């Protein structure tokens, strides 16, 4: 995953990008570590690896982290090109 790092000019216009970038990196790392800790997430349907509660919750966290990363990217895009994220634009 490539995380866009804001430059000084970006931070002058939108200082919130600093913490959003840190959050994005943290979410990406957490998702990667959970995938490593629960390898059965990467092999769904494999009956040899039962899906325990902690694994199911880890999979939910990964899904939510992925969704939040996408939302952060949409926010960043909206700052650059507000029309790009318009719901009317298809």
C-alpha atoms as a PDB file:
ATOM      1  CA  UNK A   1       0.000   0.000   0.000  1.00  0.00           C
ATOM      2  CA  UNK A   2       1.240   3.447  -0.903  1.00  0.00           C
ATOM      3  CA  UNK A   3       0.298   6.186   1.533  1.00  0.00           C
ATOM      4  CA  UNK A   4       0.272   9.739   0.199  1.00  0.00           C
ATOM      5  CA  UNK A   5       2.383  11.905   2.487  1.00  0.00           C
ATOM      6  CA  UNK A   6       1.246  15.532   2.595  1.00  0.00           C
ATOM      7  CA  UNK A   7       3.858  18.204   1.919  1.00  0.00           C
ATOM      8  CA  UNK A   8       4.158  21.588   3.668  1.00  0.00           C
ATOM      9  CA  UNK A   9       1.804  23.286   1.216  1.00  0.00           C
ATOM     10  CA  UNK A  10      -0.811  20.560   1.703  1.00  0.00           C
ATOM     11  CA  UNK A  11      -0.614  20.951   5.475  1.00  0.00           C
ATOM     12  CA  UNK A  12      -0.995  24.730   5.279  1.00  0.00           C
ATOM     13  CA  UNK A  13      -4.260  24.293   3.388  1.00  0.00           C
ATOM     14  CA  UNK A  14      -5.505  21.226   5.278  1.00  0.00           C
ATOM     15  CA  UNK A  15      -3.585  20.567   8.516  1.00  0.00           C
ATOM     16  CA  UNK A  16      -5.904  17.648   9.309  1.00  0.00           C
ATOM     17  CA  UNK A  17      -4.050  15.641   6.662  1.00  0.00           C
ATOM     18  CA  UNK A  18      -1.203  15.132   9.141  1.00  0.00           C
ATOM     19  CA  UNK A  19      -3.237  13.070  11.585  1.00  0.00           C
ATOM     20  CA  UNK A  20      -5.240  11.406   8.819  1.00  0.00           C
ATOM     21  CA  UNK A  21      -1.980  10.216   7.238  1.00  0.00           C
ATOM     22  CA  UNK A  22      -0.825   8.832  10.593  1.00  0.00           C
ATOM     23  CA  UNK A  23      -4.200   7.119  11.053  1.00  0.00           C
ATOM     24  CA  UNK A  24      -4.051   5.659   7.543  1.00  0.00           C
ATOM     25  CA  UNK A  25      -0.575   4.227   8.153  1.00  0.00           C
ATOM     26  CA  UNK A  26      -1.645   2.790  11.520  1.00  0.00           C
ATOM     27  CA  UNK A  27      -4.709   1.149   9.987  1.00  0.00           C
ATOM     28  CA  UNK A  28      -2.662  -0.371   7.161  1.00  0.00           C
ATOM     29  CA  UNK A  29      -0.118  -1.783   9.610  1.00  0.00           C
ATOM     30  CA  UNK A  30      -2.819  -3.140  11.925  1.00  0.00           C
ATOM     31  CA  UNK A  31      -4.580  -4.874   9.034  1.00  0.00           C
ATOM     32  CA  UNK A  32      -1.314  -6.411   7.837  1.00  0.00           C
ATOM     33  CA  UNK A  33      -0.404  -7.669  11.309  1.00  0.00           C
ATOM     34  CA  UNK A  34      -3.876  -9.153  11.823  1.00  0.00           C
ATOM     35  CA  UNK A  35      -3.580 -10.943   8.470  1.00  0.00           C
ATOM     36  CA  UNK A  36      -0.242 -12.363   9.561  1.00  0.00           C
ATOM     37  CA  UNK A  37      -1.552 -13.396  12.988  1.00  0.00           C
ATOM     38  CA  UNK A  38      -4.652 -15.011  11.490  1.00  0.00           C
ATOM     39  CA  UNK A  39      -3.506 -16.676   8.291  1.00  0.00           C
ATOM     40  CA  UNK A  40      -6.846 -18.451   7.984  1.00  0.00           C
ATOM     41  CA  UNK A  41      -8.346 -15.091   6.987  1.00  0.00           C
ATOM     42  CA  UNK A  42      -6.331 -15.311   3.785  1.00  0.00           C
ATOM     43  CA  UNK A  43      -7.643 -18.821   3.047  1.00  0.00           C
ATOM     44  CA  UNK A  44     -11.424 -18.577   3.419  1.00  0.00           C
ATOM     45  CA  UNK A  45     -13.304 -21.798   2.923  1.00  0.00           C
ATOM     46  CA  UNK A  46     -10.356 -23.944   3.981  1.00  0.00           C
ATOM     47  CA  UNK A  47     -12.017 -26.442   6.344  1.00  0.00           C
ATOM     48  CA  UNK A  48      -8.670 -27.398   7.866  1.00  0.00           C
ATOM     49  CA  UNK A  49      -8.497 -23.970   9.530  1.00  0.00           C
ATOM     50  CA  UNK A  50     -11.550 -23.343  11.721  1.00  0.00           C
ATOM     51  CA  UNK A  51     -12.623 -19.702  12.078  1.00  0.00           C
ATOM     52  CA  UNK A  52     -12.525 -18.941  15.804  1.00  0.00           C
ATOM     53  CA  UNK A  53     -14.177 -15.880  17.335  1.00  0.00           C
ATOM     54  CA  UNK A  54     -10.937 -13.886  17.537  1.00  0.00           C
ATOM     55  CA  UNK A  55     -10.292 -14.601  13.865  1.00  0.00           C
ATOM     56  CA  UNK A  56     -13.781 -13.475  12.866  1.00  0.00           C
ATOM     57  CA  UNK A  57     -13.348 -10.272  14.850  1.00  0.00           C
ATOM     58  CA  UNK A  58      -9.908  -9.745  13.287  1.00  0.00           C
ATOM     59  CA  UNK A  59     -11.485 -10.119   9.837  1.00  0.00           C
ATOM     60  CA  UNK A  60     -14.080  -7.487  10.789  1.00  0.00           C
ATOM     61  CA  UNK A  61     -11.340  -5.117  11.950  1.00  0.00           C
ATOM     62  CA  UNK A  62      -9.473  -5.622   8.668  1.00  0.00           C
ATOM     63  CA  UNK A  63     -12.632  -4.897   6.677  1.00  0.00           C
ATOM     64  CA  UNK A  64     -13.381  -1.755   8.709  1.00  0.00           C
ATOM     65  CA  UNK A  65      -9.760  -0.579   8.448  1.00  0.00           C
ATOM     66  CA  UNK A  66      -9.852  -1.046   4.685  1.00  0.00           C
ATOM     67  CA  UNK A  67     -13.094   0.912   4.485  1.00  0.00           C
ATOM     68  CA  UNK A  68     -11.711   3.753   6.631  1.00  0.00           C
ATOM     69  CA  UNK A  69      -8.526   3.925   4.523  1.00  0.00           C
ATOM     70  CA  UNK A  70     -10.688   4.269   1.409  1.00  0.00           C
ATOM     71  CA  UNK A  71     -12.717   6.998   3.118  1.00  0.00           C
ATOM     72  CA  UNK A  72      -9.544   8.894   4.049  1.00  0.00           C
ATOM     73  CA  UNK A  73      -8.414   8.670   0.432  1.00  0.00           C
ATOM     74  CA  UNK A  74     -11.784  10.023  -0.754  1.00  0.00           C
ATOM     75  CA  UNK A  75     -11.416  12.927   1.696  1.00  0.00           C
ATOM     76  CA  UNK A  76      -7.921  13.663   0.377  1.00  0.00           C
ATOM     77  CA  UNK A  77      -9.260  13.550  -3.180  1.00  0.00           C
ATOM     78  CA  UNK A  78     -12.172  15.841  -2.236  1.00  0.00           C
ATOM     79  CA  UNK A  79      -9.669  18.448  -1.032  1.00  0.00           C
ATOM     80  CA  UNK A  80      -7.887  18.380  -4.390  1.00  0.00           C
ATOM     81  CA  UNK A  81     -10.910  17.973  -6.667  1.00  0.00           C
ATOM     82  CA  UNK A  82     -14.275  18.429  -4.918  1.00  0.00           C
ATOM     83  CA  UNK A  83     -16.172  17.396  -8.066  1.00  0.00           C
ATOM     84  CA  UNK A  84     -14.406  14.017  -8.132  1.00  0.00           C
ATOM     85  CA  UNK A  85     -16.273  12.852  -5.025  1.00  0.00           C
ATOM     86  CA  UNK A  86     -19.645  14.281  -5.928  1.00  0.00           C
ATOM     87  CA  UNK A  87     -22.449  11.704  -5.635  1.00  0.00           C
ATOM     88  CA  UNK A  88     -23.967  13.171  -8.800  1.00  0.00           C
ATOM     89  CA  UNK A  89     -20.865  12.311 -10.775  1.00  0.00           C
ATOM     90  CA  UNK A  90     -20.980   8.844 -12.254  1.00  0.00           C
END
